[in-house]
Amino acid sequence: MSPIQCSGRATLAGRTTLHIPGYPGQDMPATLVQCAIEEDQRILLVALDTDDVTASLGPGEPVRIGFRTDADGSYAIVMPERAR
């Protein structure tokens, strides 16, 4: 994967795990999170949580959003929140 192109702060609004069919009898979980951009809480963004960063977080807790580009395209990911 390529390095993070840019990042910003947001708050967790919701979280769900999709189960995508993979091999017969086996699925691949993909955790998606809904985040509100810190500067304007009306702006929501859906991001992929590849490292399960939000597993122990509740709504309104801070998260960091980054944007990554690879062979599949560009997409948003959740990263651990750094100290402010």
Foldseek 3Di string as FASTA:
>chain_A
DDDFPDKAKWWWAAKDWDWDDDPVPHTDIWIKTWTQGPVGRVDIDIATEPPCLCVPPDTGHMWMKTWDQDPVGITIYTDHDDDD
